[in-house]
Amino acid sequence: MYAVIQTGGKQYRVAEGDIVRVELLDKEPKESFEFDRVLLVDNNGELSVGKPTVAGAKVTAEVLVHDRQKKVIIYKKKRTTTYQRTQGHRQGFTEVRITGIQA
């Protein structure tokens, strides 16, 4: 059994027991919560597709940790001038464990 959920402007295919990195959430570690934007549910071959979401479907998850990804370096340069810029960015994420899918 798996589901497709939407959070943070992105879609994720999840199954029970999966650990997924999603965009930063306002939840505390070890807190349980539900994803209510479920776009698709596959229950052993029985496919339920939402328009745009599946009615009554929920995916429960538990927050494991908040962290930031590896640094990405942004480097800009224009030749024949002395223009050079370096900037770094670390995107935050929340790691969650999927504990159940209800369809």
C-alpha atoms as a PDB file:
ATOM      1  CA  MET A   1       0.000   0.000   0.000  1.00  0.00           C
ATOM      2  CA  TYR A   2       1.337   3.406  -0.942  1.00  0.00           C
ATOM      3  CA  ALA A   3       0.111   6.968  -1.337  1.00  0.00           C
ATOM      4  CA  VAL A   4       1.145  10.166  -3.086  1.00  0.00           C
ATOM      5  CA  ILE A   5       1.054  13.209  -0.797  1.00  0.00           C
ATOM      6  CA  GLN A   6       1.636  16.890  -1.417  1.00  0.00           C
ATOM      7  CA  THR A   7       3.490  19.141   1.014  1.00  0.00           C
ATOM      8  CA  GLY A   8       5.689  22.167   0.547  1.00  0.00           C
ATOM      9  CA  GLY A   9       4.774  22.440  -3.134  1.00  0.00           C
ATOM     10  CA  LYS A  10       6.204  18.996  -3.881  1.00  0.00           C
ATOM     11  CA  GLN A  11       4.731  15.517  -4.258  1.00  0.00           C
ATOM     12  CA  TYR A  12       6.090  12.400  -2.533  1.00  0.00           C
ATOM     13  CA  ARG A  13       5.323   8.705  -3.016  1.00  0.00           C
ATOM     14  CA  VAL A  14       5.238   7.178   0.472  1.00  0.00           C
ATOM     15  CA  ALA A  15       4.550   3.803   2.049  1.00  0.00           C
ATOM     16  CA  GLU A  16       4.199   2.835   5.691  1.00  0.00           C
ATOM     17  CA  GLY A  17       7.582   2.827   7.440  1.00  0.00           C
ATOM     18  CA  ASP A  18       9.283   5.135   4.903  1.00  0.00           C
ATOM     19  CA  ILE A  19      11.528   7.964   6.062  1.00  0.00           C
ATOM     20  CA  VAL A  20      11.071  11.051   3.891  1.00  0.00           C
ATOM     21  CA  ARG A  21      12.753  14.470   3.831  1.00  0.00           C
ATOM     22  CA  VAL A  22      10.149  17.170   3.243  1.00  0.00           C
ATOM     23  CA  GLU A  23      10.226  20.954   3.335  1.00  0.00           C
ATOM     24  CA  LEU A  24      10.583  22.478   6.803  1.00  0.00           C
ATOM     25  CA  LEU A  25       7.466  21.955   8.987  1.00  0.00           C
ATOM     26  CA  ASP A  26       6.363  23.794  12.138  1.00  0.00           C
ATOM     27  CA  LYS A  27       6.240  20.624  14.252  1.00  0.00           C
ATOM     28  CA  GLU A  28       8.315  19.484  17.210  1.00  0.00           C
ATOM     29  CA  PRO A  29      10.482  16.324  17.036  1.00  0.00           C
ATOM     30  CA  LYS A  30       8.640  13.129  18.068  1.00  0.00           C
ATOM     31  CA  GLU A  31       5.312  14.882  17.375  1.00  0.00           C
ATOM     32  CA  SER A  32       2.720  12.963  15.369  1.00  0.00           C
ATOM     33  CA  PHE A  33       0.612  14.685  12.715  1.00  0.00           C
ATOM     34  CA  GLU A  34      -1.364  14.014   9.513  1.00  0.00           C
ATOM     35  CA  PHE A  35      -0.903  14.891   5.859  1.00  0.00           C
ATOM     36  CA  ASP A  36      -4.403  15.616   4.534  1.00  0.00           C
ATOM     37  CA  ARG A  37      -3.404  16.479   0.934  1.00  0.00           C
ATOM     38  CA  VAL A  38      -3.445  12.881  -0.377  1.00  0.00           C
ATOM     39  CA  LEU A  39      -3.515  12.814  -4.181  1.00  0.00           C
ATOM     40  CA  LEU A  40      -3.490   9.055  -4.817  1.00  0.00           C
ATOM     41  CA  VAL A  41      -3.823   5.836  -2.803  1.00  0.00           C
ATOM     42  CA  ASP A  42      -2.958   2.325  -4.031  1.00  0.00           C
ATOM     43  CA  ASN A  43      -4.419  -0.384  -1.780  1.00  0.00           C
ATOM     44  CA  ASN A  44      -3.021  -3.679  -3.186  1.00  0.00           C
ATOM     45  CA  GLY A  45      -3.933  -2.861  -6.787  1.00  0.00           C
ATOM     46  CA  GLU A  46      -7.092  -0.894  -5.997  1.00  0.00           C
ATOM     47  CA  LEU A  47      -6.229   2.624  -7.168  1.00  0.00           C
ATOM     48  CA  SER A  48      -8.000   5.725  -5.807  1.00  0.00           C
ATOM     49  CA  VAL A  49      -7.189   8.964  -7.608  1.00  0.00           C
ATOM     50  CA  GLY A  50      -8.350  12.278  -6.161  1.00  0.00           C
ATOM     51  CA  LYS A  51      -9.814  15.273  -7.948  1.00  0.00           C
ATOM     52  CA  PRO A  52      -7.592  16.929  -6.664  1.00  0.00           C
ATOM     53  CA  THR A  53      -7.453  14.985  -3.358  1.00  0.00           C
ATOM     54  CA  VAL A  54      -8.844  11.641  -2.212  1.00  0.00           C
ATOM     55  CA  ALA A  55     -11.811  12.231   0.109  1.00  0.00           C
ATOM     56  CA  GLY A  56     -11.277  10.862   3.618  1.00  0.00           C
ATOM     57  CA  ALA A  57      -7.697   9.753   3.006  1.00  0.00           C
ATOM     58  CA  LYS A  58      -5.000  10.637   5.543  1.00  0.00           C
ATOM     59  CA  VAL A  59      -1.336   9.800   5.956  1.00  0.00           C
ATOM     60  CA  THR A  60      -0.037   9.900   9.530  1.00  0.00           C
ATOM     61  CA  ALA A  61       3.614  10.686  10.207  1.00  0.00           C
ATOM     62  CA  GLU A  62       6.031  11.329  13.055  1.00  0.00           C
ATOM     63  CA  VAL A  63       8.686  14.045  12.986  1.00  0.00           C
ATOM     64  CA  LEU A  64      12.194  12.660  13.483  1.00  0.00           C
ATOM     65  CA  VAL A  65      14.529  15.642  13.123  1.00  0.00           C
ATOM     66  CA  HIS A  66      14.933  19.145  11.672  1.00  0.00           C
ATOM     67  CA  ASP A  67      18.186  19.780   9.832  1.00  0.00           C
ATOM     68  CA  ARG A  68      19.759  21.550   6.877  1.00  0.00           C
ATOM     69  CA  GLN A  69      21.128  20.074   3.660  1.00  0.00           C
ATOM     70  CA  LYS A  70      24.673  20.371   2.332  1.00  0.00           C
ATOM     71  CA  LYS A  71      25.808  23.814   1.268  1.00  0.00           C
ATOM     72  CA  VAL A  72      25.257  24.831  -2.338  1.00  0.00           C
ATOM     73  CA  ILE A  73      27.726  27.399  -3.681  1.00  0.00           C
ATOM     74  CA  ILE A  74      26.425  30.089  -6.054  1.00  0.00           C
ATOM     75  CA  TYR A  75      29.248  31.693  -8.030  1.00  0.00           C
ATOM     76  CA  LYS A  76      28.771  34.551 -10.527  1.00  0.00           C
ATOM     77  CA  LYS A  77      31.478  36.022 -12.728  1.00  0.00           C
ATOM     78  CA  LYS A  78      31.643  38.383 -15.694  1.00  0.00           C
ATOM     79  CA  ARG A  79      34.771  38.386 -17.775  1.00  0.00           C
ATOM     80  CA  THR A  80      36.811  41.471 -18.678  1.00  0.00           C
ATOM     81  CA  THR A  81      35.559  43.178 -15.524  1.00  0.00           C
ATOM     82  CA  THR A  82      36.383  42.493 -11.922  1.00  0.00           C
ATOM     83  CA  TYR A  83      32.858  41.284 -11.116  1.00  0.00           C
ATOM     84  CA  GLN A  84      32.811  38.143  -8.952  1.00  0.00           C
ATOM     85  CA  ARG A  85      30.227  37.094  -6.360  1.00  0.00           C
ATOM     86  CA  THR A  86      30.135  34.000  -4.164  1.00  0.00           C
ATOM     87  CA  GLN A  87      27.144  33.045  -2.074  1.00  0.00           C
ATOM     88  CA  GLY A  88      26.219  29.908  -0.154  1.00  0.00           C
ATOM     89  CA  HIS A  89      22.814  28.451   0.714  1.00  0.00           C
ATOM     90  CA  ARG A  90      21.650  25.613   2.983  1.00  0.00           C
ATOM     91  CA  GLN A  91      18.024  24.551   2.595  1.00  0.00           C
ATOM     92  CA  GLY A  92      16.208  23.400   5.731  1.00  0.00           C
ATOM     93  CA  PHE A  93      14.274  20.133   5.816  1.00  0.00           C
ATOM     94  CA  THR A  94      12.231  17.987   8.183  1.00  0.00           C
ATOM     95  CA  GLU A  95      12.736  14.238   8.265  1.00  0.00           C
ATOM     96  CA  VAL A  96       9.498  12.317   8.926  1.00  0.00           C
ATOM     97  CA  ARG A  97       8.599   8.634   9.324  1.00  0.00           C
ATOM     98  CA  ILE A  98       5.315   7.506   7.780  1.00  0.00           C
ATOM     99  CA  THR A  99       3.373   5.584  10.413  1.00  0.00           C
ATOM    100  CA  GLY A 100       0.104   4.841   8.630  1.00  0.00           C
ATOM    101  CA  ILE A 101      -2.075   5.314   5.566  1.00  0.00           C
ATOM    102  CA  GLN A 102      -5.855   5.511   5.863  1.00  0.00           C
ATOM    103  CA  ALA A 103      -7.952   5.418   2.716  1.00  0.00           C
END
